[in-house]
Amino acid sequence: MFLDLNRLKAERIARKLQQKDVANELGWSVGKYTKIENGYSKLGSDDLAKIADVLGIEDMNIFFNFSVVKLERKLIKEVI
């Protein structure tokens, strides 16, 4: 199970919000939010829940990629 940060960004953009808008709603600095969205800072489940709340998303499963098969294929190709 992998967090899809591209989906996080897409959901924000779909709601016509800028990073600073989300950061302000969360009481975070823009830098903190930007680092999370770009994958430079880890995102815990509590913070993901807060972001989802700001974006009005009830089902956080949309942020996860459950396709382990693709990862396994990639790892096998790297070994071979």
C-alpha atoms as a PDB file:
ATOM      1  CA  MET A   1       0.000   0.000   0.000  1.00  0.00           C
ATOM      2  CA  PHE A   2       1.537   3.260  -1.123  1.00  0.00           C
ATOM      3  CA  LEU A   3       0.455   6.829  -0.594  1.00  0.00           C
ATOM      4  CA  ASP A   4      -0.266   8.543  -3.913  1.00  0.00           C
ATOM      5  CA  LEU A   5       0.901  12.126  -3.462  1.00  0.00           C
ATOM      6  CA  ASN A   6      -0.063  12.929  -7.058  1.00  0.00           C
ATOM      7  CA  ARG A   7      -3.660  12.225  -6.083  1.00  0.00           C
ATOM      8  CA  LEU A   8      -3.319  14.551  -3.114  1.00  0.00           C
ATOM      9  CA  LYS A   9      -2.184  17.340  -5.422  1.00  0.00           C
ATOM     10  CA  ALA A  10      -4.870  16.532  -7.999  1.00  0.00           C
ATOM     11  CA  GLU A  11      -7.621  16.701  -5.393  1.00  0.00           C
ATOM     12  CA  ARG A  12      -6.344  20.076  -4.180  1.00  0.00           C
ATOM     13  CA  ILE A  13      -6.204  21.459  -7.718  1.00  0.00           C
ATOM     14  CA  ALA A  14      -9.662  20.060  -8.538  1.00  0.00           C
ATOM     15  CA  ARG A  15     -11.005  22.170  -5.684  1.00  0.00           C
ATOM     16  CA  LYS A  16      -9.221  25.234  -7.081  1.00  0.00           C
ATOM     17  CA  LEU A  17      -7.096  25.551  -3.963  1.00  0.00           C
ATOM     18  CA  GLN A  18      -3.482  26.610  -3.834  1.00  0.00           C
ATOM     19  CA  GLN A  19      -0.968  25.093  -1.477  1.00  0.00           C
ATOM     20  CA  LYS A  20      -1.109  28.217   0.666  1.00  0.00           C
ATOM     21  CA  ASP A  21      -4.900  27.847   1.009  1.00  0.00           C
ATOM     22  CA  VAL A  22      -4.600  24.327   2.384  1.00  0.00           C
ATOM     23  CA  ALA A  23      -1.657  25.283   4.600  1.00  0.00           C
ATOM     24  CA  ASN A  24      -3.595  28.217   6.058  1.00  0.00           C
ATOM     25  CA  GLU A  25      -6.622  26.012   6.802  1.00  0.00           C
ATOM     26  CA  LEU A  26      -4.342  23.567   8.595  1.00  0.00           C
ATOM     27  CA  GLY A  27      -2.447  26.249  10.487  1.00  0.00           C
ATOM     28  CA  TRP A  28       0.781  25.083   8.841  1.00  0.00           C
ATOM     29  CA  SER A  29       3.445  26.990   6.963  1.00  0.00           C
ATOM     30  CA  VAL A  30       3.256  26.820   3.185  1.00  0.00           C
ATOM     31  CA  GLY A  31       6.713  25.236   3.240  1.00  0.00           C
ATOM     32  CA  LYS A  32       5.534  22.369   5.444  1.00  0.00           C
ATOM     33  CA  TYR A  33       2.575  21.604   3.219  1.00  0.00           C
ATOM     34  CA  THR A  34       4.625  21.923   0.032  1.00  0.00           C
ATOM     35  CA  LYS A  35       7.244  19.491   1.337  1.00  0.00           C
ATOM     36  CA  ILE A  36       4.540  16.973   2.192  1.00  0.00           C
ATOM     37  CA  GLU A  37       2.779  17.278  -1.157  1.00  0.00           C
ATOM     38  CA  ASN A  38       6.054  16.953  -3.057  1.00  0.00           C
ATOM     39  CA  GLY A  39       7.203  13.953  -1.029  1.00  0.00           C
ATOM     40  CA  TYR A  40      10.102  15.672   0.730  1.00  0.00           C
ATOM     41  CA  SER A  41       8.542  15.239   4.155  1.00  0.00           C
ATOM     42  CA  LYS A  42       6.737  12.205   5.559  1.00  0.00           C
ATOM     43  CA  LEU A  43       3.005  12.316   5.974  1.00  0.00           C
ATOM     44  CA  GLY A  44       1.442  10.544   8.940  1.00  0.00           C
ATOM     45  CA  SER A  45      -2.100   9.264   9.061  1.00  0.00           C
ATOM     46  CA  ASP A  46      -3.248  12.049  11.387  1.00  0.00           C
ATOM     47  CA  ASP A  47      -1.979  14.747   9.043  1.00  0.00           C
ATOM     48  CA  LEU A  48      -3.475  12.959   6.027  1.00  0.00           C
ATOM     49  CA  ALA A  49      -6.823  12.916   7.833  1.00  0.00           C
ATOM     50  CA  LYS A  50      -6.532  16.661   8.481  1.00  0.00           C
ATOM     51  CA  ILE A  51      -5.727  17.364   4.829  1.00  0.00           C
ATOM     52  CA  ALA A  52      -8.607  15.167   3.684  1.00  0.00           C
ATOM     53  CA  ASP A  53     -10.927  17.090   6.000  1.00  0.00           C
ATOM     54  CA  VAL A  54      -9.794  20.425   4.544  1.00  0.00           C
ATOM     55  CA  LEU A  55     -10.336  19.059   1.030  1.00  0.00           C
ATOM     56  CA  GLY A  56     -13.744  17.634   1.986  1.00  0.00           C
ATOM     57  CA  ILE A  57     -12.747  14.043   1.261  1.00  0.00           C
ATOM     58  CA  GLU A  58     -14.451  11.370   3.334  1.00  0.00           C
ATOM     59  CA  ASP A  59     -12.852   8.240   1.874  1.00  0.00           C
ATOM     60  CA  MET A  60      -9.083   8.432   2.308  1.00  0.00           C
ATOM     61  CA  ASN A  61      -8.629   5.212   0.320  1.00  0.00           C
ATOM     62  CA  ILE A  62      -8.451   7.349  -2.817  1.00  0.00           C
ATOM     63  CA  PHE A  63      -4.959   8.380  -1.706  1.00  0.00           C
ATOM     64  CA  PHE A  64      -3.613   4.838  -1.652  1.00  0.00           C
ATOM     65  CA  ASN A  65      -2.342   2.563  -4.366  1.00  0.00           C
ATOM     66  CA  PHE A  66      -2.955  -1.030  -3.374  1.00  0.00           C
ATOM     67  CA  SER A  67      -1.279  -2.512  -6.447  1.00  0.00           C
ATOM     68  CA  VAL A  68       1.577  -4.542  -5.056  1.00  0.00           C
ATOM     69  CA  VAL A  69       1.733  -6.613  -8.234  1.00  0.00           C
ATOM     70  CA  LYS A  70       3.278  -3.717 -10.194  1.00  0.00           C
ATOM     71  CA  LEU A  71       5.937  -3.233  -7.543  1.00  0.00           C
ATOM     72  CA  GLU A  72       6.720  -6.944  -7.509  1.00  0.00           C
ATOM     73  CA  ARG A  73       7.125  -6.942 -11.300  1.00  0.00           C
ATOM     74  CA  LYS A  74       9.488  -4.007 -11.114  1.00  0.00           C
ATOM     75  CA  LEU A  75      11.575  -5.678  -8.394  1.00  0.00           C
ATOM     76  CA  ILE A  76      11.762  -8.916 -10.377  1.00  0.00           C
ATOM     77  CA  LYS A  77      12.976  -7.040 -13.466  1.00  0.00           C
ATOM     78  CA  GLU A  78      15.659  -5.321 -11.396  1.00  0.00           C
ATOM     79  CA  VAL A  79      16.891  -8.666 -10.052  1.00  0.00           C
ATOM     80  CA  ILE A  80      16.997 -10.329 -13.469  1.00  0.00           C
END
